[in-house]
Amino acid sequence: MVGVLPAYRRRGLARALIAQAIAPLAERAEPLVTAEADVTNAASHALLMGFGARVSGGSIELRRT
């Protein structure tokens, strides 16, 4: 779960936190990272899609090669 206080939003903090979280997985060559975002939260979807994610059912799959 990633959360950023309203005063600090739209500064790239959530993107940086997610990048730091998936970096060790990429280093270990993990082929799949699964993330979930509320379907009504367009910002969360856009953030994960920016990492190359794809919508899969009710969740978003982030595949890093």
PDB file of N, CA and C in Angstrom:
ATOM      1  N   MET A   1       0.845  -1.158   0.000  1.00  0.00           N
ATOM      2  CA  MET A   1       0.000   0.000   0.000  1.00  0.00           C
ATOM      3  C   MET A   1       0.896   1.227   0.000  1.00  0.00           C
ATOM      4  N   VAL A   2       0.585   2.132  -0.879  1.00  0.00           N
ATOM      5  CA  VAL A   2       1.326   3.382  -0.971  1.00  0.00           C
ATOM      6  C   VAL A   2       0.352   4.518  -0.717  1.00  0.00           C
ATOM      7  N   GLY A   3       0.722   5.391   0.168  1.00  0.00           N
ATOM      8  CA  GLY A   3      -0.115   6.547   0.445  1.00  0.00           C
ATOM      9  C   GLY A   3       0.747   7.786   0.603  1.00  0.00           C
ATOM     10  N   VAL A   4       0.273   8.881   0.068  1.00  0.00           N
ATOM     11  CA  VAL A   4       0.981  10.153   0.169  1.00  0.00           C
ATOM     12  C   VAL A   4      -0.014  11.190   0.684  1.00  0.00           C
ATOM     13  N   LEU A   5       0.379  11.938   1.679  1.00  0.00           N
ATOM     14  CA  LEU A   5      -0.502  12.965   2.223  1.00  0.00           C
ATOM     15  C   LEU A   5      -0.851  13.993   1.158  1.00  0.00           C
ATOM     16  N   PRO A   6      -2.060  14.560   1.239  1.00  0.00           N
ATOM     17  CA  PRO A   6      -2.504  15.507   0.212  1.00  0.00           C
ATOM     18  C   PRO A   6      -1.517  16.647  -0.070  1.00  0.00           C
ATOM     19  N   ALA A   7      -0.878  17.157   0.950  1.00  0.00           N
ATOM     20  CA  ALA A   7       0.045  18.275   0.753  1.00  0.00           C
ATOM     21  C   ALA A   7       1.264  17.894  -0.086  1.00  0.00           C
ATOM     22  N   TYR A   8       1.561  16.590  -0.199  1.00  0.00           N
ATOM     23  CA  TYR A   8       2.750  16.129  -0.912  1.00  0.00           C
ATOM     24  C   TYR A   8       2.430  15.387  -2.201  1.00  0.00           C
ATOM     25  N   ARG A   9       1.169  15.373  -2.593  1.00  0.00           N
ATOM     26  CA  ARG A   9       0.781  14.672  -3.812  1.00  0.00           C
ATOM     27  C   ARG A   9       1.208  15.456  -5.048  1.00  0.00           C
ATOM     28  N   ARG A  10       1.256  14.739  -6.173  1.00  0.00           N
ATOM     29  CA  ARG A  10       1.595  15.305  -7.481  1.00  0.00           C
ATOM     30  C   ARG A  10       3.029  15.817  -7.532  1.00  0.00           C
ATOM     31  N   ARG A  11       3.906  15.165  -6.756  1.00  0.00           N
ATOM     32  CA  ARG A  11       5.326  15.515  -6.755  1.00  0.00           C
ATOM     33  C   ARG A  11       6.198  14.323  -7.139  1.00  0.00           C
ATOM     34  N   GLY A  12       5.576  13.205  -7.494  1.00  0.00           N
ATOM     35  CA  GLY A  12       6.342  12.032  -7.895  1.00  0.00           C
ATOM     36  C   GLY A  12       6.740  11.118  -6.744  1.00  0.00           C
ATOM     37  N   LEU A  13       6.231  11.380  -5.539  1.00  0.00           N
ATOM     38  CA  LEU A  13       6.613  10.569  -4.385  1.00  0.00           C
ATOM     39  C   LEU A  13       6.087   9.144  -4.487  1.00  0.00           C
ATOM     40  N   ALA A  14       4.839   8.976  -4.895  1.00  0.00           N
ATOM     41  CA  ALA A  14       4.270   7.626  -5.012  1.00  0.00           C
ATOM     42  C   ALA A  14       5.036   6.828  -6.066  1.00  0.00           C
ATOM     43  N   ARG A  15       5.355   7.457  -7.184  1.00  0.00           N
ATOM     44  CA  ARG A  15       6.132   6.790  -8.236  1.00  0.00           C
ATOM     45  C   ARG A  15       7.495   6.353  -7.700  1.00  0.00           C
ATOM     46  N   ALA A  16       8.154   7.221  -6.944  1.00  0.00           N
ATOM     47  CA  ALA A  16       9.461   6.892  -6.377  1.00  0.00           C
ATOM     48  C   ALA A  16       9.360   5.755  -5.375  1.00  0.00           C
ATOM     49  N   LEU A  17       8.319   5.744  -4.554  1.00  0.00           N
ATOM     50  CA  LEU A  17       8.136   4.673  -3.577  1.00  0.00           C
ATOM     51  C   LEU A  17       7.897   3.326  -4.266  1.00  0.00           C
ATOM     52  N   ILE A  18       7.071   3.326  -5.291  1.00  0.00           N
ATOM     53  CA  ILE A  18       6.802   2.083  -6.011  1.00  0.00           C
ATOM     54  C   ILE A  18       8.062   1.606  -6.724  1.00  0.00           C
ATOM     55  N   ALA A  19       8.810   2.516  -7.327  1.00  0.00           N
ATOM     56  CA  ALA A  19      10.056   2.147  -8.004  1.00  0.00           C
ATOM     57  C   ALA A  19      11.041   1.509  -7.024  1.00  0.00           C
ATOM     58  N   GLN A  20      11.139   2.067  -5.821  1.00  0.00           N
ATOM     59  CA  GLN A  20      12.027   1.499  -4.807  1.00  0.00           C
ATOM     60  C   GLN A  20      11.549   0.116  -4.360  1.00  0.00           C
ATOM     61  N   ALA A  21      10.241  -0.080  -4.313  1.00  0.00           N
ATOM     62  CA  ALA A  21       9.694  -1.362  -3.884  1.00  0.00           C
ATOM     63  C   ALA A  21       9.925  -2.460  -4.923  1.00  0.00           C
ATOM     64  N   ILE A  22       9.853  -2.123  -6.205  1.00  0.00           N
ATOM     65  CA  ILE A  22       9.993  -3.168  -7.223  1.00  0.00           C
ATOM     66  C   ILE A  22      11.434  -3.337  -7.703  1.00  0.00           C
ATOM     67  N   ALA A  23      12.330  -2.422  -7.354  1.00  0.00           N
ATOM     68  CA  ALA A  23      13.731  -2.531  -7.789  1.00  0.00           C
ATOM     69  C   ALA A  23      14.385  -3.842  -7.348  1.00  0.00           C
ATOM     70  N   PRO A  24      14.253  -4.266  -6.078  1.00  0.00           N
ATOM     71  CA  PRO A  24      14.876  -5.538  -5.681  1.00  0.00           C
ATOM     72  C   PRO A  24      14.286  -6.739  -6.432  1.00  0.00           C
ATOM     73  N   LEU A  25      13.014  -6.659  -6.778  1.00  0.00           N
ATOM     74  CA  LEU A  25      12.387  -7.746  -7.529  1.00  0.00           C
ATOM     75  C   LEU A  25      12.947  -7.801  -8.940  1.00  0.00           C
ATOM     76  N   ALA A  26      13.167  -6.651  -9.534  1.00  0.00           N
ATOM     77  CA  ALA A  26      13.752  -6.600 -10.875  1.00  0.00           C
ATOM     78  C   ALA A  26      15.181  -7.137 -10.850  1.00  0.00           C
ATOM     79  N   GLU A  27      15.927  -6.816  -9.803  1.00  0.00           N
ATOM     80  CA  GLU A  27      17.300  -7.306  -9.672  1.00  0.00           C
ATOM     81  C   GLU A  27      17.343  -8.827  -9.548  1.00  0.00           C
ATOM     82  N   ARG A  28      16.309  -9.414  -8.940  1.00  0.00           N
ATOM     83  CA  ARG A  28      16.226 -10.877  -8.813  1.00  0.00           C
ATOM     84  C   ARG A  28      15.554 -11.510 -10.019  1.00  0.00           C
ATOM     85  N   ALA A  29      15.259 -10.710 -11.023  1.00  0.00           N
ATOM     86  CA  ALA A  29      14.640 -11.166 -12.272  1.00  0.00           C
ATOM     87  C   ALA A  29      13.262 -11.788 -12.050  1.00  0.00           C
ATOM     88  N   GLU A  30      12.516 -11.256 -11.095  1.00  0.00           N
ATOM     89  CA  GLU A  30      11.144 -11.709 -10.901  1.00  0.00           C
ATOM     90  C   GLU A  30      10.332 -11.269 -12.117  1.00  0.00           C
ATOM     91  N   PRO A  31       9.653 -12.189 -12.783  1.00  0.00           N
ATOM     92  CA  PRO A  31       8.961 -11.835 -14.021  1.00  0.00           C
ATOM     93  C   PRO A  31       7.622 -11.131 -13.822  1.00  0.00           C
ATOM     94  N   LEU A  32       7.047 -11.227 -12.616  1.00  0.00           N
ATOM     95  CA  LEU A  32       5.702 -10.700 -12.421  1.00  0.00           C
ATOM     96  C   LEU A  32       5.559 -10.069 -11.049  1.00  0.00           C
ATOM     97  N   VAL A  33       4.999  -8.893 -11.035  1.00  0.00           N
ATOM     98  CA  VAL A  33       4.636  -8.213  -9.797  1.00  0.00           C
ATOM     99  C   VAL A  33       3.164  -7.889  -9.927  1.00  0.00           C
ATOM    100  N   THR A  34       2.377  -8.234  -8.940  1.00  0.00           N
ATOM    101  CA  THR A  34       0.950  -7.955  -8.998  1.00  0.00           C
ATOM    102  C   THR A  34       0.615  -6.822  -8.039  1.00  0.00           C
ATOM    103  N   ALA A  35      -0.109  -5.856  -8.544  1.00  0.00           N
ATOM    104  CA  ALA A  35      -0.539  -4.714  -7.740  1.00  0.00           C
ATOM    105  C   ALA A  35      -2.042  -4.570  -7.878  1.00  0.00           C
ATOM    106  N   GLU A  36      -2.673  -4.061  -6.856  1.00  0.00           N
ATOM    107  CA  GLU A  36      -4.113  -3.837  -6.900  1.00  0.00           C
ATOM    108  C   GLU A  36      -4.384  -2.356  -6.717  1.00  0.00           C
ATOM    109  N   ALA A  37      -5.350  -1.876  -7.460  1.00  0.00           N
ATOM    110  CA  ALA A  37      -5.780  -0.483  -7.332  1.00  0.00           C
ATOM    111  C   ALA A  37      -7.294  -0.444  -7.444  1.00  0.00           C
ATOM    112  N   ASP A  38      -7.911   0.428  -6.704  1.00  0.00           N
ATOM    113  CA  ASP A  38      -9.357   0.602  -6.754  1.00  0.00           C
ATOM    114  C   ASP A  38      -9.742   1.037  -8.166  1.00  0.00           C
ATOM    115  N   VAL A  39     -10.743   0.392  -8.733  1.00  0.00           N
ATOM    116  CA  VAL A  39     -11.125   0.690 -10.112  1.00  0.00           C
ATOM    117  C   VAL A  39     -11.626   2.125 -10.283  1.00  0.00           C
ATOM    118  N   THR A  40     -12.043   2.758  -9.210  1.00  0.00           N
ATOM    119  CA  THR A  40     -12.518   4.138  -9.301  1.00  0.00           C
ATOM    120  C   THR A  40     -11.392   5.157  -9.149  1.00  0.00           C
ATOM    121  N   ASN A  41     -10.184   4.691  -8.839  1.00  0.00           N
ATOM    122  CA  ASN A  41      -9.060   5.602  -8.618  1.00  0.00           C
ATOM    123  C   ASN A  41      -8.225   5.706  -9.895  1.00  0.00           C
ATOM    124  N   ALA A  42      -8.562   6.664 -10.734  1.00  0.00           N
ATOM    125  CA  ALA A  42      -7.889   6.844 -12.025  1.00  0.00           C
ATOM    126  C   ALA A  42      -6.415   7.167 -11.852  1.00  0.00           C
ATOM    127  N   ALA A  43      -6.073   7.907 -10.820  1.00  0.00           N
ATOM    128  CA  ALA A  43      -4.674   8.268 -10.602  1.00  0.00           C
ATOM    129  C   ALA A  43      -3.820   7.039 -10.304  1.00  0.00           C
ATOM    130  N   SER A  44      -4.345   6.114  -9.504  1.00  0.00           N
ATOM    131  CA  SER A  44      -3.612   4.883  -9.199  1.00  0.00           C
ATOM    132  C   SER A  44      -3.416   4.045 -10.450  1.00  0.00           C
ATOM    133  N   HIS A  45      -4.454   3.956 -11.253  1.00  0.00           N
ATOM    134  CA  HIS A  45      -4.348   3.195 -12.506  1.00  0.00           C
ATOM    135  C   HIS A  45      -3.303   3.834 -13.415  1.00  0.00           C
ATOM    136  N   ALA A  46      -3.335   5.147 -13.552  1.00  0.00           N
ATOM    137  CA  ALA A  46      -2.379   5.834 -14.412  1.00  0.00           C
ATOM    138  C   ALA A  46      -0.953   5.641 -13.899  1.00  0.00           C
ATOM    139  N   LEU A  47      -0.777   5.679 -12.599  1.00  0.00           N
ATOM    140  CA  LEU A  47       0.543   5.490 -12.007  1.00  0.00           C
ATOM    141  C   LEU A  47       1.091   4.104 -12.336  1.00  0.00           C
ATOM    142  N   LEU A  48       0.282   3.075 -12.124  1.00  0.00           N
ATOM    143  CA  LEU A  48       0.745   1.715 -12.393  1.00  0.00           C
ATOM    144  C   LEU A  48       0.911   1.461 -13.882  1.00  0.00           C
ATOM    145  N   MET A  49       0.041   2.024 -14.694  1.00  0.00           N
ATOM    146  CA  MET A  49       0.179   1.861 -16.139  1.00  0.00           C
ATOM    147  C   MET A  49       1.475   2.516 -16.622  1.00  0.00           C
ATOM    148  N   GLY A  50       1.917   3.553 -15.948  1.00  0.00           N
ATOM    149  CA  GLY A  50       3.177   4.201 -16.286  1.00  0.00           C
ATOM    150  C   GLY A  50       4.378   3.295 -16.076  1.00  0.00           C
ATOM    151  N   PHE A  51       4.213   2.273 -15.238  1.00  0.00           N
ATOM    152  CA  PHE A  51       5.263   1.286 -15.019  1.00  0.00           C
ATOM    153  C   PHE A  51       5.151   0.122 -16.000  1.00  0.00           C
ATOM    154  N   GLY A  52       4.162   0.180 -16.879  1.00  0.00           N
ATOM    155  CA  GLY A  52       3.991  -0.886 -17.865  1.00  0.00           C
ATOM    156  C   GLY A  52       2.999  -1.949 -17.441  1.00  0.00           C
ATOM    157  N   ALA A  53       2.138  -1.622 -16.497  1.00  0.00           N
ATOM    158  CA  ALA A  53       1.154  -2.583 -16.006  1.00  0.00           C
ATOM    159  C   ALA A  53       0.042  -2.784 -17.025  1.00  0.00           C
ATOM    160  N   ARG A  54      -0.733  -3.845 -16.814  1.00  0.00           N
ATOM    161  CA  ARG A  54      -1.914  -4.075 -17.632  1.00  0.00           C
ATOM    162  C   ARG A  54      -3.041  -4.520 -16.717  1.00  0.00           C
ATOM    163  N   VAL A  55      -4.254  -4.162 -17.086  1.00  0.00           N
ATOM    164  CA  VAL A  55      -5.420  -4.528 -16.290  1.00  0.00           C
ATOM    165  C   VAL A  55      -5.725  -5.995 -16.539  1.00  0.00           C
ATOM    166  N   SER A  56      -5.922  -6.721 -15.447  1.00  0.00           N
ATOM    167  CA  SER A  56      -6.225  -8.146 -15.527  1.00  0.00           C
ATOM    168  C   SER A  56      -7.356  -8.437 -14.550  1.00  0.00           C
ATOM    169  N   GLY A  57      -8.557  -8.505 -15.058  1.00  0.00           N
ATOM    170  CA  GLY A  57      -9.712  -8.712 -14.183  1.00  0.00           C
ATOM    171  C   GLY A  57      -9.903  -7.498 -13.301  1.00  0.00           C
ATOM    172  N   GLY A  58      -9.942  -7.719 -11.999  1.00  0.00           N
ATOM    173  CA  GLY A  58     -10.135  -6.629 -11.057  1.00  0.00           C
ATOM    174  C   GLY A  58      -8.837  -6.063 -10.526  1.00  0.00           C
ATOM    175  N   SER A  59      -7.688  -6.550 -11.033  1.00  0.00           N
ATOM    176  CA  SER A  59      -6.421  -6.036 -10.548  1.00  0.00           C
ATOM    177  C   SER A  59      -5.540  -5.630 -11.718  1.00  0.00           C
ATOM    178  N   ILE A  60      -4.394  -5.094 -11.400  1.00  0.00           N
ATOM    179  CA  ILE A  60      -3.462  -4.661 -12.419  1.00  0.00           C
ATOM    180  C   ILE A  60      -2.205  -5.506 -12.282  1.00  0.00           C
ATOM    181  N   GLU A  61      -1.715  -6.059 -13.370  1.00  0.00           N
ATOM    182  CA  GLU A  61      -0.477  -6.826 -13.356  1.00  0.00           C
ATOM    183  C   GLU A  61       0.648  -5.971 -13.884  1.00  0.00           C
ATOM    184  N   LEU A  62       1.754  -5.980 -13.178  1.00  0.00           N
ATOM    185  CA  LEU A  62       2.923  -5.233 -13.593  1.00  0.00           C
ATOM    186  C   LEU A  62       4.000  -6.238 -13.953  1.00  0.00           C
ATOM    187  N   ARG A  63       4.280  -6.381 -15.231  1.00  0.00           N
ATOM    188  CA  ARG A  63       5.324  -7.305 -15.693  1.00  0.00           C
ATOM    189  C   ARG A  63       6.568  -6.511 -16.034  1.00  0.00           C
ATOM    190  N   ARG A  64       7.660  -6.879 -15.402  1.00  0.00           N
ATOM    191  CA  ARG A  64       8.948  -6.232 -15.656  1.00  0.00           C
ATOM    192  C   ARG A  64       9.889  -7.275 -16.228  1.00  0.00           C
ATOM    193  N   THR A  65      10.499  -6.977 -17.360  1.00  0.00           N
ATOM    194  CA  THR A  65      11.448  -7.921 -17.957  1.00  0.00           C
ATOM    195  C   THR A  65      12.854  -7.371 -17.892  1.00  0.00           C
TER     196      THR A  65
END
